[in-house]
Amino acid sequence: MRLVIVLCSLLTAVLAATPASAVCPENQVWAGCYPDAIGIDTRNPTAKFGETGLESWTAGQACVTGCYDLPAGTLAAKGHVNPYGGCIAGAHTRDEYQVVGPAGPPLSFEAVFQVHAVMAPFTGYGASIQVGALEAHCHGEENCEAAIALSYAPGAPFLLEAVLQASGDGNPHPDGDVFVTGTIRFRGLPAGYSIVSCQNYDLPTPAQPATWGAMKALYR
């Protein structure tokens, strides 16, 4: 079975993009049947590959292609296999995060990509999380955590990338689906510290989250 993580270089058909003045990093969603996939580049905080192109998406809603919701730290994708081959879908997100709380030296904590999948025969997925040269992967397990150890001082930004793709085998097989979700979480911070991001990441943290704009002003 071939499980192919679609890299940015393969997302050659850009259907929509937000203005170049947007300050948050660019993301992608894609979908297609073997061997082709079409990708959309966007800086929107939420997105899915929809029937008419780029559409908004909220974590918890149905996702039948590639979807993400960065405030909720969630990516989702649905792949398919059928008598004619396989179909893939996925998302690649980039967001700038930082620790907020009392000023001080770097703090050690973990970034975790918690992945859950429901897979029919001849389907599968690939998932990864990356900060700089640090990277961790999940592939094929129904439940998996990809975790990387980080160390950043409060106010120091770091770029975190996550990739999630669901796929059916490229060869003919009986019909089947794979649905996979991944959630970005942070753990191990001391009490009194939390995580915010350019796209207003707001999953529960030890302290009340602040807004991205307020934090950038505070640390200038």
Protein backbone atom coordinates (compact mmCIF):
# COMPACT_ATOMS: atom_id res chain seq x y z
CA MET A 1 0.00 0.00 0.00
CA ARG A 2 1.34 3.39 -0.97
CA LEU A 3 0.81 6.21 1.51
CA VAL A 4 2.16 9.42 0.05
CA ILE A 5 2.48 12.65 2.02
CA VAL A 6 1.87 15.42 -0.49
CA LEU A 7 4.65 17.98 -0.20
CA CYS A 8 4.24 21.64 -0.93
CA SER A 9 6.05 21.20 -4.26
CA LEU A 10 3.22 18.98 -5.47
CA LEU A 11 0.55 21.58 -4.76
CA THR A 12 0.93 23.17 -8.17
CA ALA A 13 -2.62 24.24 -8.89
CA VAL A 14 -3.30 27.23 -6.67
CA LEU A 15 -7.00 28.05 -6.78
CA ALA A 16 -7.16 30.83 -4.20
CA ALA A 17 -4.96 32.92 -1.94
CA THR A 18 -5.38 35.73 0.51
CA PRO A 19 -3.71 39.14 0.04
CA ALA A 20 0.08 39.29 0.34
CA SER A 21 -0.27 41.72 3.25
CA ALA A 22 -1.56 38.94 5.55
CA VAL A 23 0.87 38.52 8.45
CA CYS A 24 0.25 34.87 9.39
CA PRO A 25 2.09 32.06 7.56
CA GLU A 26 0.56 30.35 4.53
CA ASN A 27 -1.23 26.99 4.70
CA GLN A 28 -2.54 24.45 2.18
CA VAL A 29 -5.49 22.12 1.76
CA TRP A 30 -5.76 19.58 -1.07
CA ALA A 31 -7.75 16.68 -2.51
CA GLY A 32 -7.79 14.45 -5.58
CA CYS A 33 -7.75 10.92 -6.93
CA TYR A 34 -4.60 8.97 -7.73
CA PRO A 35 -2.24 10.13 -9.14
CA ASP A 36 -3.39 13.76 -9.09
CA ALA A 37 -4.21 16.23 -6.32
CA ILE A 38 -5.15 19.90 -6.48
CA GLY A 39 -4.07 22.25 -3.72
CA ILE A 40 -5.23 25.62 -2.42
CA ASP A 41 -2.90 28.06 -0.63
CA THR A 42 -4.40 30.33 2.02
CA ARG A 43 -3.61 32.34 5.14
CA ASN A 44 -7.14 31.98 6.52
CA PRO A 45 -7.39 30.74 10.13
CA THR A 46 -9.78 27.97 9.00
CA ALA A 47 -10.20 26.29 5.61
CA LYS A 48 -11.38 23.24 3.71
CA PHE A 49 -11.07 22.09 0.13
CA GLY A 50 -14.70 22.60 -0.93
CA GLU A 51 -16.76 21.97 -4.03
CA THR A 52 -16.36 25.60 -5.12
CA GLY A 53 -12.77 25.99 -3.96
CA LEU A 54 -11.66 27.38 -0.61
CA GLU A 55 -14.32 27.31 2.13
CA SER A 56 -14.28 27.89 5.89
CA TRP A 57 -14.37 24.93 8.28
CA THR A 58 -14.82 24.50 12.03
CA ALA A 59 -13.37 21.62 14.06
CA GLY A 60 -16.13 19.09 14.73
CA GLN A 61 -17.86 19.63 11.39
CA ALA A 62 -17.79 16.90 8.72
CA CYS A 63 -14.68 16.98 6.54
CA VAL A 64 -14.71 15.01 3.27
CA THR A 65 -11.45 16.42 1.82
CA GLY A 66 -8.62 18.31 3.55
CA CYS A 67 -9.57 20.72 6.36
CA TYR A 68 -8.03 22.71 9.22
CA ASP A 69 -9.07 25.01 12.07
CA LEU A 70 -5.98 26.68 13.55
CA PRO A 71 -7.67 28.40 16.52
CA ALA A 72 -8.77 24.88 17.56
CA GLY A 73 -5.40 23.38 16.56
CA THR A 74 -7.18 20.77 14.44
CA LEU A 75 -6.51 19.20 11.03
CA ALA A 76 -8.75 16.61 9.35
CA ALA A 77 -8.78 14.61 6.13
CA LYS A 78 -10.77 11.89 4.38
CA GLY A 79 -9.31 9.48 1.82
CA HIS A 80 -10.95 6.80 -0.29
CA VAL A 81 -10.18 3.62 -2.20
CA ASN A 82 -12.38 2.09 -4.92
CA PRO A 83 -12.24 -0.34 -7.87
CA TYR A 84 -10.58 2.38 -9.95
CA GLY A 85 -7.79 3.32 -7.54
CA GLY A 86 -7.38 5.64 -4.59
CA CYS A 87 -8.14 9.24 -3.57
CA ILE A 88 -6.17 11.46 -1.20
CA ALA A 89 -6.84 14.60 0.82
CA GLY A 90 -4.94 16.57 3.41
CA ALA A 91 -3.79 19.79 5.00
CA HIS A 92 -0.47 21.45 5.78
CA THR A 93 -0.60 24.20 8.40
CA ARG A 94 1.95 26.73 9.62
CA ASP A 95 1.37 29.02 12.57
CA GLU A 96 3.63 31.19 14.74
CA TYR A 97 3.28 30.40 18.44
CA GLN A 98 4.77 31.76 21.65
CA VAL A 99 4.73 31.14 25.37
CA VAL A 100 3.10 33.89 27.43
CA GLY A 101 3.50 34.48 31.14
CA PRO A 102 6.05 36.02 33.52
CA ALA A 103 9.33 36.97 31.82
CA GLY A 104 12.21 34.61 32.43
CA PRO A 105 14.59 32.05 30.93
CA PRO A 106 13.57 29.41 28.35
CA LEU A 107 10.96 26.89 29.52
CA SER A 108 10.94 23.22 28.53
CA PHE A 109 7.66 21.80 27.22
CA GLU A 110 6.29 19.55 24.47
CA ALA A 111 4.33 20.18 21.29
CA VAL A 112 2.11 17.17 20.60
CA PHE A 113 0.10 16.16 17.52
CA GLN A 114 -2.64 13.81 18.76
CA VAL A 115 -3.93 11.73 15.85
CA HIS A 116 -6.98 9.45 15.61
CA ALA A 117 -7.94 7.47 12.50
CA VAL A 118 -10.71 5.17 11.30
CA MET A 119 -9.38 3.11 8.40
CA ALA A 120 -10.91 0.64 5.94
CA PRO A 121 -8.66 -1.99 4.31
CA PHE A 122 -6.20 -0.60 1.77
CA THR A 123 -6.35 2.90 3.25
CA GLY A 124 -4.06 4.78 5.60
CA TYR A 125 -2.65 8.15 6.57
CA GLY A 126 0.51 10.07 7.32
CA ALA A 127 0.95 12.85 9.87
CA SER A 128 3.82 14.97 11.12
CA ILE A 129 4.62 17.91 13.36
CA GLN A 130 7.77 20.04 12.98
CA VAL A 131 9.52 22.98 14.62
CA GLY A 132 12.79 23.83 12.88
CA ALA A 133 14.87 20.65 12.60
CA LEU A 134 12.73 18.83 15.20
CA GLU A 135 10.12 16.53 13.67
CA ALA A 136 7.91 13.62 14.71
CA HIS A 137 5.58 11.37 12.68
CA CYS A 138 2.51 9.14 12.88
CA HIS A 139 1.42 6.71 10.17
CA GLY A 140 -1.04 3.84 10.18
CA GLU A 141 -1.91 3.66 13.91
CA GLU A 142 -5.52 4.18 14.96
CA ASN A 143 -4.30 6.38 17.82
CA CYS A 144 -0.91 8.07 17.86
CA GLU A 145 0.92 10.97 19.47
CA ALA A 146 3.76 12.68 17.62
CA ALA A 147 5.65 14.76 20.20
CA ILE A 148 8.68 17.04 20.07
CA ALA A 149 10.51 18.62 23.03
CA LEU A 150 10.81 22.42 22.87
CA SER A 151 12.50 25.12 24.92
CA TYR A 152 11.50 28.78 24.47
CA ALA A 153 11.48 31.84 26.68
CA PRO A 154 8.20 33.74 27.11
CA GLY A 155 7.67 36.05 24.14
CA ALA A 156 10.02 34.16 21.78
CA PRO A 157 8.05 33.11 18.66
CA PHE A 158 8.45 29.73 16.99
CA LEU A 159 6.98 28.39 13.74
CA LEU A 160 5.17 25.07 14.06
CA GLU A 161 4.14 23.09 10.98
CA ALA A 162 1.68 20.18 10.91
CA VAL A 163 0.83 17.88 8.00
CA LEU A 164 -2.03 15.40 7.80
CA GLN A 165 -3.00 13.30 4.78
CA ALA A 166 -5.51 10.46 4.34
CA SER A 167 -5.17 8.18 1.32
CA GLY A 168 -6.44 5.08 -0.40
CA ASP A 169 -4.07 2.68 -2.12
CA GLY A 170 -3.41 3.60 -5.75
CA ASN A 171 -4.44 0.15 -7.00
CA PRO A 172 -8.04 -1.03 -7.52
CA HIS A 173 -9.70 -2.38 -4.35
CA PRO A 174 -13.20 -2.65 -2.89
CA ASP A 175 -14.69 0.68 -1.78
CA GLY A 176 -13.47 1.99 1.58
CA ASP A 177 -12.79 5.23 3.44
CA VAL A 178 -10.22 6.54 5.87
CA PHE A 179 -10.97 9.50 8.13
CA VAL A 180 -8.25 11.00 10.30
CA THR A 181 -8.05 13.97 12.66
CA GLY A 182 -5.06 15.53 14.38
CA THR A 183 -4.99 18.07 17.21
CA ILE A 184 -2.03 20.28 18.13
CA ARG A 185 -1.56 20.54 21.89
CA PHE A 186 1.13 21.74 24.28
CA ARG A 187 1.98 20.15 27.61
CA GLY A 188 4.50 20.51 30.39
CA LEU A 189 4.37 24.29 30.87
CA PRO A 190 4.54 25.52 34.47
CA ALA A 191 1.42 27.00 36.03
CA GLY A 192 0.96 30.62 35.02
CA TYR A 193 2.10 30.11 31.40
CA SER A 194 0.08 29.49 28.25
CA ILE A 195 0.40 29.38 24.46
CA VAL A 196 -0.96 31.88 21.92
CA SER A 197 -0.47 32.06 18.16
CA CYS A 198 -0.78 34.35 15.16
CA GLN A 199 -4.04 32.54 14.26
CA ASN A 200 -5.35 32.85 17.86
CA TYR A 201 -4.80 29.30 19.04
CA ASP A 202 -7.19 28.90 21.97
CA LEU A 203 -7.15 25.34 23.28
CA PRO A 204 -7.06 25.12 27.10
CA THR A 205 -3.72 25.99 28.67
CA PRO A 206 -2.68 26.46 32.32
CA ALA A 207 -3.48 30.21 32.19
CA GLN A 208 -6.14 32.35 30.54
CA PRO A 209 -5.01 32.81 26.89
CA ALA A 210 -4.14 36.32 25.77
CA THR A 211 -4.60 37.65 22.25
CA TRP A 212 -1.79 37.54 19.70
CA GLY A 213 -1.94 41.30 19.12
CA ALA A 214 -1.64 42.09 22.81
CA MET A 215 1.35 39.80 23.21
CA LYS A 216 3.21 41.26 20.21
CA ALA A 217 2.69 44.76 21.66
CA LEU A 218 3.84 43.61 25.11
CA TYR A 219 7.12 42.12 23.90
CA ARG A 220 8.09 44.87 21.44
